[in-house]
């Protein structure tokens, strides 16, 4: 009878037929809490319980439970309770045996995150700012060593493959994660300043990191003397605005058509590598400052530039029967008409009037539409093969609103009219005057290139101005990238730099270096250049000192902080070159020329602009702005909140006296607290 009662109890619990409000198990399941007991968490399938109960989690004892009342602790309420689980055993396979059996999925030794409350730790005042400074200092020390022409390399362990060797400050910064959670908060905030500088200006990440640490360190000294952090922050911002105004006055525009000027900037940004300067100068002089320059991994040891003239988009011919050059498998159309149609074209009858008009003009035709299919495509192919009309059809590039925009760009470039469906113009009513024109069109199976569009210069310039306004207005990096591609295809061109190297590690390092130098050169073309080597920031000190004299209270201390840190980049460059940074700074301050400074590469004092040692003004400005922003944020921090680190259990698990589950039915218990033995073998004694 007891056995039958035992089975009956198991059947009831296993099937979960009792869903009364008074049932504790039912209440816990409805409250969506996980049940916790023993060593492992198990997730039961949905069909194991009532339909309204999702996948609930139970932590069950590894040993045989039987029908006795077991203590279960809810991970949400943390209140101990007792009730009969009605579970026979939990096997090593992760299934507990009920009536009916329920197979469960092992979830490991920790409860699932959605049902697990994580405790937090909080620190205040100096206990918060101290670890922040320690984290910032560790990051800055690693990054500072890469600054300047004699900067040192950093070797990064990626955990797989060969280690990465780099002198790129942002790459080093992004690879740093500190063990202490409070120190890591400071490091992550400064990494944000470096990353933002890299995104905006393409260079200056190391300078931003060095300045962030210096401003924060000087600010903490002021806070320790009783200064108000908020007043310091306002003073810092005033000083930064003054320094930025001086940088703008100091900036000299460069001639975008001067290969030597561009080479100077690109060489410095490329860690004084003249080959990088030559390649980027070649690319920029070919496509202009409005062009797009992409950097790709090459297939040889040489680094070279490929330039695509005209407008190119990634759509190829719809039928190989359009091919005119059988050797190269391309379609080549000279002095061609271009139809720009937003919708699909499938009815050949609507096309016939336009095709007849073009055939009489004895000119080729390119159709750019959402798609050309069925009878319409067959008509074009047949007429081409019979020699009646040389034509080709390609799909329109892009999707949705971006497709409309690109068709509008092509219309402006070719002097045609984009036929959109919301204009209410049918294909039958399209005239030859609505079509665009181009001197040459080349189409492969993957891309279409339009060269020599017949569009008016005023229309193209208006379209370019519109795209530039959209670039300034957008907050999306993806949209900005696509808009810049459209701008390049209209106003400049597209150049691809293929990076060559002997090894994969060198290839990746050079690719990153050239990409940063490209962005820095672009920044120089936008806002001009200033003396390099940290000289530009040092020359701003006089203006900041004037502001300090005119400022009162704790804000004056904030201005003084910026005055004191403007020499930090030059100090770091000199220290990396093996000199005393303080001595170099004092020597440069005594020099009268605003462009005179220290050339660390040649180890001499000279006119830096004349020697080609220059920095883009945008890079210097962005570095100082972002560094001051994050440092002011750190100074005004009063508390830190992080999760309490959880120590991982040893790989072998804990040493509590928990069994590993009873053996499978009819199998002897083996040692180690009852591990299931093989069938027919006697159990060995426990090895405890």
Foldseek 3Di string as FASTA:
>chain_A
DVVVVLQVVLQCLQAAPDCDPPDPVNVCQVVQWAKADAFWKWWWCCNRYDVVGHTHIHHDFQAFQRQAWDWIATQQPRDTDTDGNSWGHAALVGWTPTVPTIHIDTDGRDDDPVNHDFDKDKDFDCVLLVLLLVLLVVLLVQLLQLFALLRDWDWADPVDDHIFIASASLVSLVRDADPDPSSRVNSVLLSVLLVVLCVQQLDQSSVLSLLLSLLLVLLVVVVVVPADLVLLLVLLVVLLVLLLVLLLVQFDADDLQDLVLLLLLLCVLLSNDSVLSNQLSVVCNAFPLLAAEAEAAFDAQDKHKDWAPAFKDWKFFPDLLLADDPVVSKHKFFFEWEAAEEAEAADQVLVVVAQVVVLVVVGAYEYEYQYYDHPNVVVQSVCVVVVSHNYTYIYQDDDDPVSVLLSLLLCQQFVAAHHYVVVVDGSNPDHSNRIGTARMWMGHNTMIGTHHHPHDPVSLVVSLVVLVVVLVPDPDPVSNVSSSNSSSNRRTTYMYIHHRNDDPSVSVNSSSSSSSSSSQSSLCNVSGKHAALLLSLLLSLVSLVVVLVVDDGSSSSSSVSSSVCSQSSNQSNQVSLVHHSVVQSVVQVPDDDSQWGARSVVGDIDRRVVVSRIGRSSSVSSSSVSSSVSSSVSSPDTMDMDGDDDDDAPPVGDDDQRANMAADPQFEFEEPNGRTHHHPDHHDYHPD
